[in-house]
Amino acid sequence: MSGSSNEFQGNAIKAVCSIYVPVRNPIMSAQWWQQHFGLGFAVPFNPAEAQAIMKLSDGQWLHLVETGGQVDNQFLNKAGYEMFRFTFEVRGIEVLHDRLQSNGVRIEQLKDRDSCGINFVFYDLDGNKFDVNEVVSVHRTAAEADKVKAHLFNLAYPKSQ
C-alpha cells in the first residue's frame, strides 16, 4: 500500500475510553466507587445489563461487570509481583489517600517515583487491584509538591516556604 488513503500513519490509538472490571454485585460496587471516588453513573443503572457504568472525570467509562466467574484483575510479572492492570491519574493524591485510609479501604504503601509521581495501590470491594498516580512536580508548584510529600511521607516541611 503506497500512498493510499487507507494506509496507517503514526499512532492510531487515541485513548482508553472504557475499562471493564469484574465484580460480584455491580450496584454495591458502584456505590463503593461513588463513596470513595465521587464517580457518578455514566448511564442509568439497568439490572438487566448486569453492569453498572460509572463515568471518570475526563469522560472515560468504568464498567463494573457482574461475573459468576473468578474476580481477578491482577497478574504476576516476571519477578513474581502481583501487578494491577490500571493506574488512574488523580489530583489531590494526599486528600484521596487520607480519605481512603480513614474509610478503611485496603491500600498499600505510598511510593515516590520521582519524575513518575507519587503512587499507591488500592483494592475494591471484590479485591481488584488498582494503582493511582499524581505527578505532583508537573501539576503543582515546587513548594506545593514538597508540602504534599511532607504530608504523605511524614517528612519535616520547612516553615519558611
N, C-alpha and C. Protein backbone atom coordinates (compact mmCIF):
# COMPACT_ATOMS: atom_id res chain seq x y z
N MET A 1 0.84 -1.19 0.00
CA MET A 1 0.00 0.00 0.00
C MET A 1 0.88 1.23 0.00
N SER A 2 0.98 1.88 -1.06
CA SER A 2 1.79 3.09 -1.07
C SER A 2 0.92 4.27 -1.45
N GLY A 3 0.86 5.23 -0.54
CA GLY A 3 0.14 6.46 -0.80
C GLY A 3 -1.37 6.37 -0.75
N SER A 4 -1.93 5.22 -0.44
CA SER A 4 -3.39 5.13 -0.40
C SER A 4 -3.91 5.82 0.86
N SER A 5 -5.13 6.28 0.82
CA SER A 5 -5.72 6.98 1.96
C SER A 5 -6.04 6.02 3.10
N ASN A 6 -5.99 4.71 2.84
CA ASN A 6 -6.25 3.72 3.87
C ASN A 6 -4.98 3.31 4.62
N GLU A 7 -3.84 3.85 4.24
CA GLU A 7 -2.57 3.47 4.86
C GLU A 7 -2.47 4.07 6.26
N PHE A 8 -2.02 3.24 7.20
CA PHE A 8 -1.82 3.69 8.58
C PHE A 8 -0.61 4.57 8.67
N GLN A 9 -0.73 5.68 9.32
CA GLN A 9 0.42 6.55 9.55
C GLN A 9 0.38 7.01 11.00
N GLY A 10 1.43 6.72 11.72
CA GLY A 10 1.50 7.17 13.10
C GLY A 10 0.69 6.29 14.03
N ASN A 11 0.46 6.80 15.21
CA ASN A 11 -0.25 6.07 16.26
C ASN A 11 -1.75 6.18 16.04
N ALA A 12 -2.43 5.06 15.89
CA ALA A 12 -3.86 5.06 15.62
C ALA A 12 -4.70 5.05 16.89
N ILE A 13 -4.09 4.79 18.05
CA ILE A 13 -4.86 4.71 19.29
C ILE A 13 -4.80 6.05 20.01
N LYS A 14 -5.97 6.64 20.23
CA LYS A 14 -6.06 7.96 20.83
C LYS A 14 -6.11 7.90 22.36
N ALA A 15 -6.95 7.03 22.91
CA ALA A 15 -7.14 6.99 24.36
C ALA A 15 -7.85 5.70 24.74
N VAL A 16 -7.95 5.44 26.03
CA VAL A 16 -8.77 4.35 26.54
C VAL A 16 -10.13 4.96 26.87
N CYS A 17 -11.18 4.44 26.27
CA CYS A 17 -12.50 5.02 26.53
C CYS A 17 -13.29 4.24 27.57
N SER A 18 -13.04 2.95 27.70
CA SER A 18 -13.77 2.12 28.66
C SER A 18 -12.83 1.13 29.32
N ILE A 19 -13.09 0.90 30.59
CA ILE A 19 -12.37 -0.10 31.37
C ILE A 19 -13.43 -1.05 31.92
N TYR A 20 -13.19 -2.35 31.79
CA TYR A 20 -14.13 -3.36 32.27
C TYR A 20 -13.53 -4.08 33.46
N VAL A 21 -14.27 -4.08 34.58
CA VAL A 21 -13.79 -4.66 35.82
C VAL A 21 -14.78 -5.72 36.28
N PRO A 22 -14.31 -6.93 36.57
CA PRO A 22 -15.22 -7.97 37.07
C PRO A 22 -15.61 -7.71 38.52
N VAL A 23 -16.90 -7.81 38.82
CA VAL A 23 -17.40 -7.60 40.18
C VAL A 23 -18.50 -8.62 40.48
N ARG A 24 -18.77 -8.83 41.75
CA ARG A 24 -19.84 -9.75 42.17
C ARG A 24 -21.21 -9.06 42.15
N ASN A 25 -21.25 -7.79 42.56
CA ASN A 25 -22.52 -7.07 42.67
C ASN A 25 -22.33 -5.66 42.11
N PRO A 26 -22.75 -5.41 40.88
CA PRO A 26 -22.49 -4.11 40.24
C PRO A 26 -23.03 -2.91 41.01
N ILE A 27 -24.21 -3.00 41.59
CA ILE A 27 -24.77 -1.84 42.28
C ILE A 27 -24.01 -1.55 43.57
N MET A 28 -23.63 -2.60 44.31
CA MET A 28 -22.82 -2.37 45.52
C MET A 28 -21.45 -1.81 45.14
N SER A 29 -20.88 -2.32 44.06
CA SER A 29 -19.58 -1.82 43.60
C SER A 29 -19.71 -0.36 43.17
N ALA A 30 -20.77 -0.03 42.45
CA ALA A 30 -20.99 1.35 42.01
C ALA A 30 -21.09 2.28 43.22
N GLN A 31 -21.80 1.85 44.24
CA GLN A 31 -21.92 2.67 45.45
C GLN A 31 -20.57 2.86 46.11
N TRP A 32 -19.73 1.83 46.10
CA TRP A 32 -18.38 1.93 46.67
C TRP A 32 -17.55 2.96 45.90
N TRP A 33 -17.60 2.92 44.56
CA TRP A 33 -16.85 3.88 43.74
C TRP A 33 -17.41 5.29 43.93
N GLN A 34 -18.71 5.42 44.12
CA GLN A 34 -19.30 6.74 44.39
C GLN A 34 -18.79 7.28 45.72
N GLN A 35 -18.85 6.44 46.75
CA GLN A 35 -18.46 6.87 48.09
C GLN A 35 -17.00 7.28 48.17
N HIS A 36 -16.12 6.49 47.58
CA HIS A 36 -14.69 6.72 47.77
C HIS A 36 -14.04 7.60 46.71
N PHE A 37 -14.63 7.68 45.53
CA PHE A 37 -14.02 8.44 44.44
C PHE A 37 -14.93 9.50 43.84
N GLY A 38 -16.18 9.55 44.26
CA GLY A 38 -17.10 10.55 43.76
C GLY A 38 -17.60 10.28 42.34
N LEU A 39 -17.45 9.05 41.85
CA LEU A 39 -17.91 8.74 40.49
C LEU A 39 -19.44 8.72 40.44
N GLY A 40 -19.97 9.17 39.31
CA GLY A 40 -21.40 9.09 39.06
C GLY A 40 -21.67 8.10 37.94
N PHE A 41 -22.92 7.77 37.78
CA PHE A 41 -23.30 6.85 36.70
C PHE A 41 -23.16 7.56 35.35
N ALA A 42 -22.59 6.85 34.37
CA ALA A 42 -22.50 7.38 33.00
C ALA A 42 -23.85 7.24 32.31
N VAL A 43 -24.55 6.17 32.63
CA VAL A 43 -25.90 5.91 32.13
C VAL A 43 -26.70 5.36 33.31
N PRO A 44 -28.01 5.50 33.28
CA PRO A 44 -28.80 4.94 34.39
C PRO A 44 -28.57 3.44 34.54
N PHE A 45 -28.55 2.99 35.77
CA PHE A 45 -28.32 1.58 36.04
C PHE A 45 -29.48 0.75 35.51
N ASN A 46 -29.14 -0.31 34.79
CA ASN A 46 -30.13 -1.23 34.25
C ASN A 46 -29.75 -2.63 34.71
N PRO A 47 -30.47 -3.19 35.71
CA PRO A 47 -30.10 -4.51 36.24
C PRO A 47 -30.05 -5.60 35.17
N ALA A 48 -30.81 -5.47 34.10
CA ALA A 48 -30.82 -6.49 33.05
C ALA A 48 -29.48 -6.58 32.33
N GLU A 49 -28.71 -5.50 32.35
CA GLU A 49 -27.39 -5.50 31.69
C GLU A 49 -26.32 -6.13 32.56
N ALA A 50 -26.60 -6.33 33.83
CA ALA A 50 -25.65 -6.93 34.78
C ALA A 50 -24.34 -6.16 34.86
N GLN A 51 -24.45 -4.83 34.75
CA GLN A 51 -23.27 -4.00 34.92
C GLN A 51 -23.71 -2.58 35.31
N ALA A 52 -22.84 -1.92 36.06
CA ALA A 52 -23.02 -0.50 36.36
C ALA A 52 -21.92 0.23 35.61
N ILE A 53 -22.28 1.31 34.95
CA ILE A 53 -21.30 2.06 34.16
C ILE A 53 -21.09 3.41 34.82
N MET A 54 -19.88 3.62 35.30
CA MET A 54 -19.52 4.84 36.01
C MET A 54 -18.69 5.72 35.08
N LYS A 55 -18.73 7.03 35.33
CA LYS A 55 -18.00 7.97 34.47
C LYS A 55 -16.85 8.60 35.25
N LEU A 56 -15.64 8.50 34.69
CA LEU A 56 -14.48 9.17 35.28
C LEU A 56 -14.52 10.65 34.92
N SER A 57 -13.74 11.47 35.59
CA SER A 57 -13.83 12.92 35.41
C SER A 57 -13.49 13.39 34.00
N ASP A 58 -12.65 12.65 33.27
CA ASP A 58 -12.32 13.04 31.90
C ASP A 58 -13.21 12.37 30.86
N GLY A 59 -14.26 11.66 31.30
CA GLY A 59 -15.24 11.11 30.39
C GLY A 59 -15.14 9.63 30.11
N GLN A 60 -14.05 8.97 30.51
CA GLN A 60 -13.94 7.53 30.29
C GLN A 60 -14.99 6.81 31.14
N TRP A 61 -15.34 5.62 30.71
CA TRP A 61 -16.33 4.83 31.42
C TRP A 61 -15.67 3.66 32.14
N LEU A 62 -16.09 3.43 33.36
CA LEU A 62 -15.66 2.31 34.17
C LEU A 62 -16.85 1.36 34.26
N HIS A 63 -16.76 0.23 33.56
CA HIS A 63 -17.84 -0.77 33.54
C HIS A 63 -17.61 -1.76 34.67
N LEU A 64 -18.53 -1.83 35.60
CA LEU A 64 -18.47 -2.77 36.71
C LEU A 64 -19.37 -3.94 36.32
N VAL A 65 -18.75 -4.98 35.77
CA VAL A 65 -19.48 -6.07 35.12
C VAL A 65 -19.63 -7.26 36.05
N GLU A 66 -20.88 -7.64 36.28
CA GLU A 66 -21.15 -8.78 37.14
C GLU A 66 -20.62 -10.06 36.49
N THR A 67 -19.97 -10.87 37.33
CA THR A 67 -19.46 -12.15 36.87
C THR A 67 -19.78 -13.23 37.89
N GLY A 68 -20.01 -14.42 37.40
CA GLY A 68 -20.13 -15.58 38.28
C GLY A 68 -18.82 -16.32 38.34
N GLY A 69 -17.89 -15.88 37.50
CA GLY A 69 -16.56 -16.50 37.45
C GLY A 69 -15.61 -15.86 38.44
N GLN A 70 -14.36 -16.09 38.18
CA GLN A 70 -13.31 -15.58 39.06
C GLN A 70 -13.21 -14.06 38.92
N VAL A 71 -13.12 -13.39 40.05
CA VAL A 71 -12.88 -11.95 40.06
C VAL A 71 -11.39 -11.77 40.29
N ASP A 72 -10.68 -11.39 39.23
CA ASP A 72 -9.24 -11.28 39.34
C ASP A 72 -8.74 -10.30 38.29
N ASN A 73 -8.36 -9.15 38.74
CA ASN A 73 -7.90 -8.08 37.86
C ASN A 73 -6.37 -8.03 37.82
N GLN A 74 -5.71 -8.97 38.49
CA GLN A 74 -4.27 -8.92 38.64
C GLN A 74 -3.57 -10.01 37.82
N PHE A 75 -2.26 -9.86 37.69
CA PHE A 75 -1.42 -10.89 37.09
C PHE A 75 -0.02 -10.74 37.67
N LEU A 76 0.75 -11.80 37.61
CA LEU A 76 2.12 -11.77 38.12
C LEU A 76 3.07 -11.32 37.02
N ASN A 77 3.97 -10.38 37.36
CA ASN A 77 5.01 -10.03 36.39
C ASN A 77 6.13 -11.07 36.47
N LYS A 78 7.14 -10.92 35.65
CA LYS A 78 8.22 -11.90 35.57
C LYS A 78 8.92 -12.09 36.92
N ALA A 79 8.99 -11.02 37.71
CA ALA A 79 9.66 -11.11 39.02
C ALA A 79 8.75 -11.68 40.10
N GLY A 80 7.49 -11.96 39.75
CA GLY A 80 6.56 -12.54 40.72
C GLY A 80 5.70 -11.53 41.47
N TYR A 81 5.81 -10.24 41.13
CA TYR A 81 4.99 -9.20 41.77
C TYR A 81 3.60 -9.22 41.16
N GLU A 82 2.58 -9.18 42.02
CA GLU A 82 1.21 -9.15 41.55
C GLU A 82 0.87 -7.75 41.02
N MET A 83 0.76 -7.65 39.70
CA MET A 83 0.53 -6.37 39.03
C MET A 83 -0.95 -6.01 38.99
N PHE A 84 -1.21 -4.73 38.97
CA PHE A 84 -2.53 -4.16 38.70
C PHE A 84 -2.59 -3.93 37.20
N ARG A 85 -3.80 -3.83 36.66
CA ARG A 85 -3.94 -3.59 35.22
C ARG A 85 -4.10 -2.11 34.89
N PHE A 86 -4.47 -1.30 35.86
CA PHE A 86 -4.75 0.10 35.58
C PHE A 86 -4.11 1.01 36.61
N THR A 87 -3.61 2.13 36.14
CA THR A 87 -3.20 3.23 37.00
C THR A 87 -4.10 4.40 36.67
N PHE A 88 -4.82 4.89 37.67
CA PHE A 88 -5.68 6.04 37.48
C PHE A 88 -4.90 7.31 37.81
N GLU A 89 -4.99 8.30 36.96
CA GLU A 89 -4.39 9.60 37.23
C GLU A 89 -5.35 10.36 38.13
N VAL A 90 -4.81 10.99 39.18
CA VAL A 90 -5.63 11.73 40.13
C VAL A 90 -5.03 13.11 40.39
N ARG A 91 -5.81 13.97 40.95
CA ARG A 91 -5.35 15.25 41.51
C ARG A 91 -5.72 15.21 42.99
N GLY A 92 -4.86 15.79 43.80
CA GLY A 92 -5.10 15.80 45.24
C GLY A 92 -4.87 14.42 45.84
N ILE A 93 -3.76 13.79 45.47
CA ILE A 93 -3.49 12.43 45.92
C ILE A 93 -3.46 12.33 47.44
N GLU A 94 -3.01 13.39 48.11
CA GLU A 94 -2.94 13.36 49.57
C GLU A 94 -4.34 13.32 50.18
N VAL A 95 -5.29 14.03 49.58
CA VAL A 95 -6.67 14.03 50.07
C VAL A 95 -7.30 12.66 49.84
N LEU A 96 -7.10 12.12 48.64
CA LEU A 96 -7.64 10.80 48.32
C LEU A 96 -7.04 9.73 49.23
N HIS A 97 -5.73 9.75 49.41
CA HIS A 97 -5.06 8.77 50.27
C HIS A 97 -5.62 8.84 51.68
N ASP A 98 -5.73 10.03 52.23
CA ASP A 98 -6.25 10.20 53.59
C ASP A 98 -7.68 9.70 53.70
N ARG A 99 -8.51 10.03 52.69
CA ARG A 99 -9.93 9.62 52.72
C ARG A 99 -10.05 8.10 52.64
N LEU A 100 -9.33 7.47 51.72
CA LEU A 100 -9.42 6.02 51.60
C LEU A 100 -8.92 5.34 52.88
N GLN A 101 -7.82 5.85 53.41
CA GLN A 101 -7.26 5.28 54.63
C GLN A 101 -8.25 5.42 55.80
N SER A 102 -8.85 6.59 55.95
CA SER A 102 -9.78 6.80 57.07
C SER A 102 -11.09 6.03 56.89
N ASN A 103 -11.42 5.67 55.64
CA ASN A 103 -12.64 4.89 55.38
C ASN A 103 -12.39 3.39 55.36
N GLY A 104 -11.18 2.98 55.70
CA GLY A 104 -10.89 1.56 55.82
C GLY A 104 -10.69 0.82 54.51
N VAL A 105 -10.45 1.56 53.42
CA VAL A 105 -10.17 0.91 52.14
C VAL A 105 -8.77 0.29 52.22
N ARG A 106 -8.65 -0.91 51.71
CA ARG A 106 -7.34 -1.58 51.71
C ARG A 106 -6.42 -0.88 50.72
N ILE A 107 -5.34 -0.33 51.25
CA ILE A 107 -4.35 0.36 50.41
C ILE A 107 -2.96 -0.14 50.78
N GLU A 108 -2.05 0.00 49.82
CA GLU A 108 -0.66 -0.37 50.06
C GLU A 108 0.16 0.89 50.28
N GLN A 109 1.42 0.70 50.59
CA GLN A 109 2.33 1.78 50.92
C GLN A 109 2.50 2.77 49.76
N LEU A 110 2.56 4.04 50.10
CA LEU A 110 2.84 5.09 49.13
C LEU A 110 4.24 4.91 48.57
N LYS A 111 4.40 5.30 47.31
CA LYS A 111 5.73 5.27 46.68
C LYS A 111 5.95 6.59 45.96
N ASP A 112 7.12 7.18 46.19
CA ASP A 112 7.52 8.37 45.46
C ASP A 112 8.42 7.90 44.33
N ARG A 113 7.92 7.98 43.11
CA ARG A 113 8.67 7.51 41.95
C ARG A 113 9.30 8.67 41.19
N ASP A 114 9.72 9.66 41.95
CA ASP A 114 10.41 10.84 41.40
C ASP A 114 9.63 11.46 40.24
N SER A 115 10.22 11.49 39.06
CA SER A 115 9.58 12.17 37.92
C SER A 115 8.31 11.47 37.46
N CYS A 116 8.10 10.21 37.87
CA CYS A 116 6.86 9.50 37.52
C CYS A 116 5.73 9.81 38.50
N GLY A 117 6.03 10.47 39.59
CA GLY A 117 4.99 10.88 40.52
C GLY A 117 4.88 10.03 41.76
N ILE A 118 3.81 10.30 42.50
CA ILE A 118 3.50 9.57 43.73
C ILE A 118 2.38 8.60 43.41
N ASN A 119 2.56 7.37 43.87
CA ASN A 119 1.58 6.31 43.60
C ASN A 119 1.23 5.58 44.88
N PHE A 120 0.04 4.98 44.87
CA PHE A 120 -0.29 3.95 45.84
C PHE A 120 -1.32 3.03 45.22
N VAL A 121 -1.35 1.81 45.73
CA VAL A 121 -2.25 0.77 45.26
C VAL A 121 -3.43 0.68 46.21
N PHE A 122 -4.62 0.44 45.66
CA PHE A 122 -5.80 0.18 46.48
C PHE A 122 -6.56 -1.00 45.89
N TYR A 123 -7.46 -1.55 46.69
CA TYR A 123 -8.27 -2.70 46.28
C TYR A 123 -9.74 -2.33 46.42
N ASP A 124 -10.56 -2.76 45.45
CA ASP A 124 -12.00 -2.51 45.53
C ASP A 124 -12.68 -3.58 46.39
N LEU A 125 -14.01 -3.53 46.44
CA LEU A 125 -14.79 -4.48 47.24
C LEU A 125 -14.51 -5.94 46.90
N ASP A 126 -14.23 -6.21 45.63
CA ASP A 126 -14.02 -7.58 45.17
C ASP A 126 -12.56 -8.01 45.16
N GLY A 127 -11.67 -7.14 45.64
CA GLY A 127 -10.25 -7.47 45.69
C GLY A 127 -9.49 -7.15 44.42
N ASN A 128 -10.13 -6.44 43.48
CA ASN A 128 -9.42 -5.99 42.28
C ASN A 128 -8.39 -4.95 42.69
N LYS A 129 -7.21 -5.06 42.14
CA LYS A 129 -6.08 -4.20 42.50
C LYS A 129 -5.93 -3.09 41.47
N PHE A 130 -5.81 -1.84 41.96
CA PHE A 130 -5.64 -0.67 41.11
C PHE A 130 -4.52 0.19 41.67
N ASP A 131 -3.98 1.05 40.83
CA ASP A 131 -2.92 1.98 41.21
C ASP A 131 -3.44 3.38 40.92
N VAL A 132 -3.06 4.35 41.75
CA VAL A 132 -3.34 5.76 41.47
C VAL A 132 -2.04 6.52 41.45
N ASN A 133 -2.01 7.59 40.67
CA ASN A 133 -0.78 8.35 40.46
C ASN A 133 -1.09 9.83 40.33
N GLU A 134 -0.23 10.63 40.91
CA GLU A 134 -0.22 12.07 40.64
C GLU A 134 1.22 12.51 40.46
N VAL A 135 1.52 13.12 39.34
CA VAL A 135 2.84 13.67 39.10
C VAL A 135 2.82 15.09 39.68
N VAL A 136 3.07 15.16 40.98
CA VAL A 136 2.93 16.43 41.69
C VAL A 136 3.90 17.48 41.18
N SER A 137 5.05 17.07 40.68
CA SER A 137 6.04 18.03 40.18
C SER A 137 5.56 18.72 38.90
N VAL A 138 4.60 18.14 38.22
CA VAL A 138 4.06 18.74 37.00
C VAL A 138 2.82 19.57 37.30
N HIS A 139 1.99 19.10 38.20
CA HIS A 139 0.69 19.72 38.44
C HIS A 139 0.68 20.73 39.59
N ARG A 140 1.80 20.87 40.27
CA ARG A 140 1.86 21.79 41.42
C ARG A 140 3.19 22.53 41.41
N THR A 141 3.23 23.62 42.14
CA THR A 141 4.49 24.34 42.28
C THR A 141 5.45 23.48 43.09
N ALA A 142 6.73 23.82 43.05
CA ALA A 142 7.73 23.05 43.80
C ALA A 142 7.41 23.06 45.30
N ALA A 143 7.00 24.21 45.81
CA ALA A 143 6.67 24.31 47.24
C ALA A 143 5.45 23.45 47.57
N GLU A 144 4.43 23.46 46.70
CA GLU A 144 3.24 22.62 46.92
C GLU A 144 3.61 21.14 46.88
N ALA A 145 4.44 20.77 45.91
CA ALA A 145 4.87 19.37 45.79
C ALA A 145 5.61 18.93 47.05
N ASP A 146 6.50 19.79 47.55
CA ASP A 146 7.23 19.47 48.78
C ASP A 146 6.27 19.30 49.96
N LYS A 147 5.26 20.15 50.02
CA LYS A 147 4.28 20.07 51.11
C LYS A 147 3.48 18.76 51.03
N VAL A 148 3.09 18.37 49.83
CA VAL A 148 2.36 17.11 49.64
C VAL A 148 3.23 15.94 50.08
N LYS A 149 4.48 15.93 49.65
CA LYS A 149 5.39 14.84 50.02
C LYS A 149 5.62 14.82 51.53
N ALA A 150 5.75 15.98 52.13
CA ALA A 150 5.94 16.04 53.59
C ALA A 150 4.72 15.45 54.29
N HIS A 151 3.53 15.78 53.80
CA HIS A 151 2.29 15.26 54.40
C HIS A 151 2.21 13.73 54.24
N LEU A 152 2.42 13.25 53.03
CA LEU A 152 2.24 11.83 52.75
C LEU A 152 3.33 10.94 53.34
N PHE A 153 4.55 11.45 53.38
CA PHE A 153 5.66 10.62 53.82
C PHE A 153 6.17 11.03 55.20
N ASN A 154 5.38 11.86 55.92
CA ASN A 154 5.73 12.31 57.27
C ASN A 154 7.12 12.91 57.34
N LEU A 155 7.41 13.78 56.39
CA LEU A 155 8.70 14.46 56.35
C LEU A 155 8.58 15.82 57.02
N ALA A 156 9.68 16.33 57.53
CA ALA A 156 9.69 17.67 58.07
C ALA A 156 9.57 18.65 56.90
N TYR A 157 8.66 19.58 57.01
CA TYR A 157 8.45 20.57 55.96
C TYR A 157 8.96 21.91 56.46
N PRO A 158 9.89 22.53 55.76
CA PRO A 158 10.42 23.82 56.22
C PRO A 158 9.32 24.87 56.31
N LYS A 159 9.20 25.50 57.48
CA LYS A 159 8.14 26.50 57.69
C LYS A 159 8.43 27.80 56.92
N SER A 160 9.65 27.97 56.44
CA SER A 160 10.00 29.20 55.74
C SER A 160 9.42 29.22 54.32
N GLN A 161 8.91 28.10 53.84
CA GLN A 161 8.39 28.06 52.46
C GLN A 161 6.92 28.33 52.41
